[in-house]
Amino acid sequence: MTELNHGQEILKTDARGRVQTPVKRREALLDEFERSGLSGKKFALLVGIKHQTFAAWVTKRRKQRGSARSLPHQRAESVPKLQWVEAVG
């Protein structure tokens, strides 16, 4: 099963209908979260990800980095920077 996201990228879903976020997208979101200064709950709400899922990503990343909260992350050049757009309605 697949579905389109806002950037018209085809995303895979599992048997339960959960969207499988590509690693590059996940890393880009985590990088943006670290720069944002927002709480995890607010950031997850803004990008449309369940807070529990987002919190698991953050925890996994921190464990991979040795559990320090603010260690610098070397960003891969191939990971696109997210662009925020204000919705006017």
N, C-alpha and C. Protein backbone atom coordinates (compact mmCIF):
# COMPACT_ATOMS: atom_id res chain seq x y z
N MET A 1 0.84 -1.16 0.00
CA MET A 1 0.00 0.00 0.00
C MET A 1 0.89 1.24 0.00
N THR A 2 0.47 2.30 -0.67
CA THR A 2 1.25 3.54 -0.73
C THR A 2 0.32 4.73 -0.60
N GLU A 3 0.90 5.88 -0.28
CA GLU A 3 0.12 7.12 -0.25
C GLU A 3 1.05 8.27 -0.58
N LEU A 4 0.49 9.39 -1.04
CA LEU A 4 1.29 10.56 -1.39
C LEU A 4 1.33 11.52 -0.22
N ASN A 5 2.51 12.12 0.03
CA ASN A 5 2.58 13.17 1.04
C ASN A 5 2.50 14.52 0.33
N HIS A 6 2.67 15.61 1.06
CA HIS A 6 2.51 16.95 0.50
C HIS A 6 3.52 17.24 -0.60
N GLY A 7 4.70 16.63 -0.55
CA GLY A 7 5.72 16.85 -1.57
C GLY A 7 5.55 15.92 -2.75
N GLN A 8 4.43 15.20 -2.81
CA GLN A 8 4.11 14.26 -3.88
C GLN A 8 5.08 13.08 -3.93
N GLU A 9 5.67 12.74 -2.81
CA GLU A 9 6.53 11.57 -2.71
C GLU A 9 5.66 10.38 -2.31
N ILE A 10 5.87 9.25 -2.91
CA ILE A 10 5.10 8.06 -2.57
C ILE A 10 5.68 7.44 -1.31
N LEU A 11 4.82 7.30 -0.29
CA LEU A 11 5.24 6.72 0.97
C LEU A 11 4.64 5.34 1.12
N LYS A 12 5.40 4.41 1.67
CA LYS A 12 4.92 3.06 1.89
C LYS A 12 4.15 2.99 3.20
N THR A 13 3.15 2.13 3.24
CA THR A 13 2.42 1.87 4.48
C THR A 13 2.50 0.39 4.78
N ASP A 14 2.37 0.07 6.07
CA ASP A 14 2.40 -1.35 6.45
C ASP A 14 0.99 -1.92 6.41
N ALA A 15 0.84 -3.17 6.84
CA ALA A 15 -0.45 -3.86 6.79
C ALA A 15 -1.50 -3.18 7.65
N ARG A 16 -1.06 -2.43 8.68
CA ARG A 16 -2.00 -1.73 9.56
C ARG A 16 -2.33 -0.33 9.05
N GLY A 17 -1.75 0.07 7.93
CA GLY A 17 -2.01 1.39 7.37
C GLY A 17 -1.11 2.48 7.91
N ARG A 18 -0.09 2.12 8.69
CA ARG A 18 0.83 3.11 9.24
C ARG A 18 1.84 3.52 8.17
N VAL A 19 2.08 4.82 8.05
CA VAL A 19 3.02 5.34 7.06
C VAL A 19 4.44 5.05 7.52
N GLN A 20 5.26 4.53 6.61
CA GLN A 20 6.66 4.25 6.88
C GLN A 20 7.47 5.46 6.43
N THR A 21 7.94 6.25 7.37
CA THR A 21 8.68 7.47 7.05
C THR A 21 10.10 7.12 6.61
N PRO A 22 10.50 7.59 5.43
CA PRO A 22 11.87 7.32 4.96
C PRO A 22 12.91 7.88 5.93
N VAL A 23 14.04 7.21 6.04
CA VAL A 23 15.10 7.59 6.98
C VAL A 23 15.55 9.03 6.75
N LYS A 24 15.74 9.43 5.51
CA LYS A 24 16.19 10.79 5.22
C LYS A 24 15.18 11.82 5.72
N ARG A 25 13.92 11.55 5.53
CA ARG A 25 12.87 12.47 6.01
C ARG A 25 12.86 12.52 7.53
N ARG A 26 12.98 11.37 8.17
CA ARG A 26 13.00 11.30 9.63
C ARG A 26 14.18 12.10 10.19
N GLU A 27 15.35 11.93 9.60
CA GLU A 27 16.54 12.65 10.05
C GLU A 27 16.38 14.16 9.84
N ALA A 28 15.79 14.55 8.71
CA ALA A 28 15.56 15.97 8.44
C ALA A 28 14.59 16.56 9.47
N LEU A 29 13.55 15.82 9.82
CA LEU A 29 12.61 16.28 10.83
C LEU A 29 13.28 16.42 12.19
N LEU A 30 14.11 15.46 12.55
CA LEU A 30 14.81 15.51 13.84
C LEU A 30 15.80 16.68 13.87
N ASP A 31 16.49 16.94 12.76
CA ASP A 31 17.39 18.08 12.67
C ASP A 31 16.62 19.39 12.86
N GLU A 32 15.48 19.50 12.19
CA GLU A 32 14.66 20.71 12.29
C GLU A 32 14.12 20.87 13.70
N PHE A 33 13.74 19.78 14.33
CA PHE A 33 13.25 19.82 15.71
C PHE A 33 14.33 20.37 16.64
N GLU A 34 15.56 19.92 16.47
CA GLU A 34 16.65 20.38 17.32
C GLU A 34 16.90 21.88 17.16
N ARG A 35 16.69 22.41 15.98
CA ARG A 35 16.88 23.84 15.73
C ARG A 35 15.67 24.67 16.16
N SER A 36 14.50 24.05 16.25
CA SER A 36 13.25 24.78 16.43
C SER A 36 13.07 25.38 17.82
N GLY A 37 13.55 24.72 18.84
CA GLY A 37 13.31 25.20 20.20
C GLY A 37 11.93 24.85 20.72
N LEU A 38 11.15 24.13 19.95
CA LEU A 38 9.81 23.72 20.37
C LEU A 38 9.87 22.47 21.23
N SER A 39 8.81 22.22 21.97
CA SER A 39 8.71 20.95 22.68
C SER A 39 8.46 19.85 21.66
N GLY A 40 8.77 18.63 22.03
CA GLY A 40 8.52 17.50 21.14
C GLY A 40 7.05 17.37 20.78
N LYS A 41 6.19 17.60 21.76
CA LYS A 41 4.75 17.48 21.54
C LYS A 41 4.26 18.51 20.52
N LYS A 42 4.70 19.78 20.66
CA LYS A 42 4.28 20.82 19.72
C LYS A 42 4.84 20.57 18.33
N PHE A 43 6.11 20.17 18.25
CA PHE A 43 6.72 19.93 16.96
C PHE A 43 6.00 18.79 16.23
N ALA A 44 5.74 17.69 16.94
CA ALA A 44 5.05 16.55 16.33
C ALA A 44 3.68 16.96 15.80
N LEU A 45 2.97 17.78 16.56
CA LEU A 45 1.66 18.25 16.14
C LEU A 45 1.78 19.09 14.86
N LEU A 46 2.79 19.97 14.80
CA LEU A 46 2.98 20.83 13.64
C LEU A 46 3.30 20.06 12.36
N VAL A 47 4.07 18.97 12.48
CA VAL A 47 4.46 18.23 11.29
C VAL A 47 3.55 17.04 11.00
N GLY A 48 2.55 16.82 11.86
CA GLY A 48 1.57 15.78 11.59
C GLY A 48 2.01 14.37 11.92
N ILE A 49 2.81 14.24 12.97
CA ILE A 49 3.28 12.93 13.41
C ILE A 49 2.77 12.71 14.82
N LYS A 50 2.36 11.49 15.14
CA LYS A 50 1.92 11.20 16.50
C LYS A 50 3.09 11.44 17.45
N HIS A 51 2.78 12.07 18.59
CA HIS A 51 3.81 12.41 19.56
C HIS A 51 4.57 11.17 20.02
N GLN A 52 3.89 10.08 20.25
CA GLN A 52 4.54 8.85 20.71
C GLN A 52 5.57 8.36 19.69
N THR A 53 5.23 8.41 18.42
CA THR A 53 6.15 8.01 17.36
C THR A 53 7.36 8.94 17.33
N PHE A 54 7.10 10.25 17.38
CA PHE A 54 8.18 11.23 17.34
C PHE A 54 9.10 11.07 18.54
N ALA A 55 8.52 10.86 19.72
CA ALA A 55 9.32 10.68 20.94
C ALA A 55 10.23 9.45 20.82
N ALA A 56 9.73 8.40 20.18
CA ALA A 56 10.56 7.20 19.97
C ALA A 56 11.74 7.51 19.05
N TRP A 57 11.51 8.33 18.01
CA TRP A 57 12.60 8.72 17.11
C TRP A 57 13.67 9.50 17.87
N VAL A 58 13.22 10.46 18.70
CA VAL A 58 14.15 11.29 19.47
C VAL A 58 14.96 10.42 20.42
N THR A 59 14.30 9.51 21.11
CA THR A 59 14.97 8.62 22.05
C THR A 59 16.00 7.76 21.34
N LYS A 60 15.63 7.21 20.20
CA LYS A 60 16.55 6.37 19.44
C LYS A 60 17.78 7.16 19.01
N ARG A 61 17.56 8.40 18.52
CA ARG A 61 18.67 9.24 18.08
C ARG A 61 19.60 9.55 19.25
N ARG A 62 19.03 9.89 20.40
CA ARG A 62 19.85 10.22 21.57
C ARG A 62 20.67 9.02 22.03
N LYS A 63 20.09 7.84 21.97
CA LYS A 63 20.84 6.62 22.33
C LYS A 63 21.99 6.39 21.36
N GLN A 64 21.75 6.63 20.08
CA GLN A 64 22.80 6.44 19.08
C GLN A 64 23.93 7.44 19.28
N ARG A 65 23.61 8.60 19.82
CA ARG A 65 24.62 9.63 20.06
C ARG A 65 25.25 9.54 21.44
N GLY A 66 24.90 8.54 22.19
CA GLY A 66 25.45 8.41 23.53
C GLY A 66 24.61 9.13 24.57
N SER A 67 23.36 9.32 24.29
CA SER A 67 22.33 9.90 25.15
C SER A 67 22.57 11.33 25.62
N ALA A 68 23.51 12.04 25.03
CA ALA A 68 23.66 13.46 25.36
C ALA A 68 22.65 14.25 24.55
N ARG A 69 21.96 15.16 25.19
CA ARG A 69 20.87 15.88 24.53
C ARG A 69 21.34 16.82 23.43
N SER A 70 22.44 17.49 23.63
CA SER A 70 22.79 18.54 22.67
C SER A 70 24.10 18.28 21.93
N LEU A 71 24.43 17.04 21.68
CA LEU A 71 25.62 16.77 20.89
C LEU A 71 25.43 17.28 19.47
N PRO A 72 26.45 17.86 18.87
CA PRO A 72 26.29 18.32 17.49
C PRO A 72 26.10 17.14 16.55
N HIS A 73 25.28 17.34 15.56
CA HIS A 73 24.98 16.29 14.59
C HIS A 73 25.56 16.70 13.25
N GLN A 74 26.37 15.84 12.67
CA GLN A 74 26.91 16.13 11.35
C GLN A 74 25.86 15.75 10.32
N ARG A 75 25.36 16.74 9.66
CA ARG A 75 24.26 16.56 8.72
C ARG A 75 24.80 16.10 7.37
N ALA A 76 24.19 15.09 6.84
CA ALA A 76 24.57 14.62 5.50
C ALA A 76 24.11 15.66 4.48
N GLU A 77 24.93 15.93 3.51
CA GLU A 77 24.59 16.93 2.50
C GLU A 77 23.37 16.52 1.68
N SER A 78 23.10 15.22 1.61
CA SER A 78 21.98 14.76 0.80
C SER A 78 20.63 14.92 1.49
N VAL A 79 20.62 15.27 2.79
CA VAL A 79 19.36 15.43 3.50
C VAL A 79 18.84 16.84 3.25
N PRO A 80 17.65 16.95 2.66
CA PRO A 80 17.13 18.28 2.34
C PRO A 80 16.70 19.03 3.59
N LYS A 81 16.91 20.35 3.61
CA LYS A 81 16.46 21.18 4.72
C LYS A 81 14.96 21.41 4.55
N LEU A 82 14.24 21.35 5.67
CA LEU A 82 12.81 21.57 5.62
C LEU A 82 12.53 23.07 5.48
N GLN A 83 11.45 23.38 4.83
CA GLN A 83 11.04 24.77 4.68
C GLN A 83 9.67 24.92 5.32
N TRP A 84 9.55 25.87 6.25
CA TRP A 84 8.28 26.12 6.92
C TRP A 84 7.45 27.08 6.08
N VAL A 85 6.16 26.79 5.99
CA VAL A 85 5.25 27.62 5.24
C VAL A 85 4.09 27.97 6.14
N GLU A 86 3.73 29.25 6.21
CA GLU A 86 2.62 29.67 7.04
C GLU A 86 1.30 29.43 6.30
N ALA A 87 0.37 28.77 6.97
CA ALA A 87 -0.94 28.52 6.38
C ALA A 87 -1.86 29.69 6.73
N VAL A 88 -2.50 30.25 5.74
CA VAL A 88 -3.41 31.37 5.94
C VAL A 88 -4.80 30.89 5.52
N GLY A 89 -5.75 31.06 6.39
CA GLY A 89 -7.05 30.53 6.05
C GLY A 89 -8.17 31.38 6.30
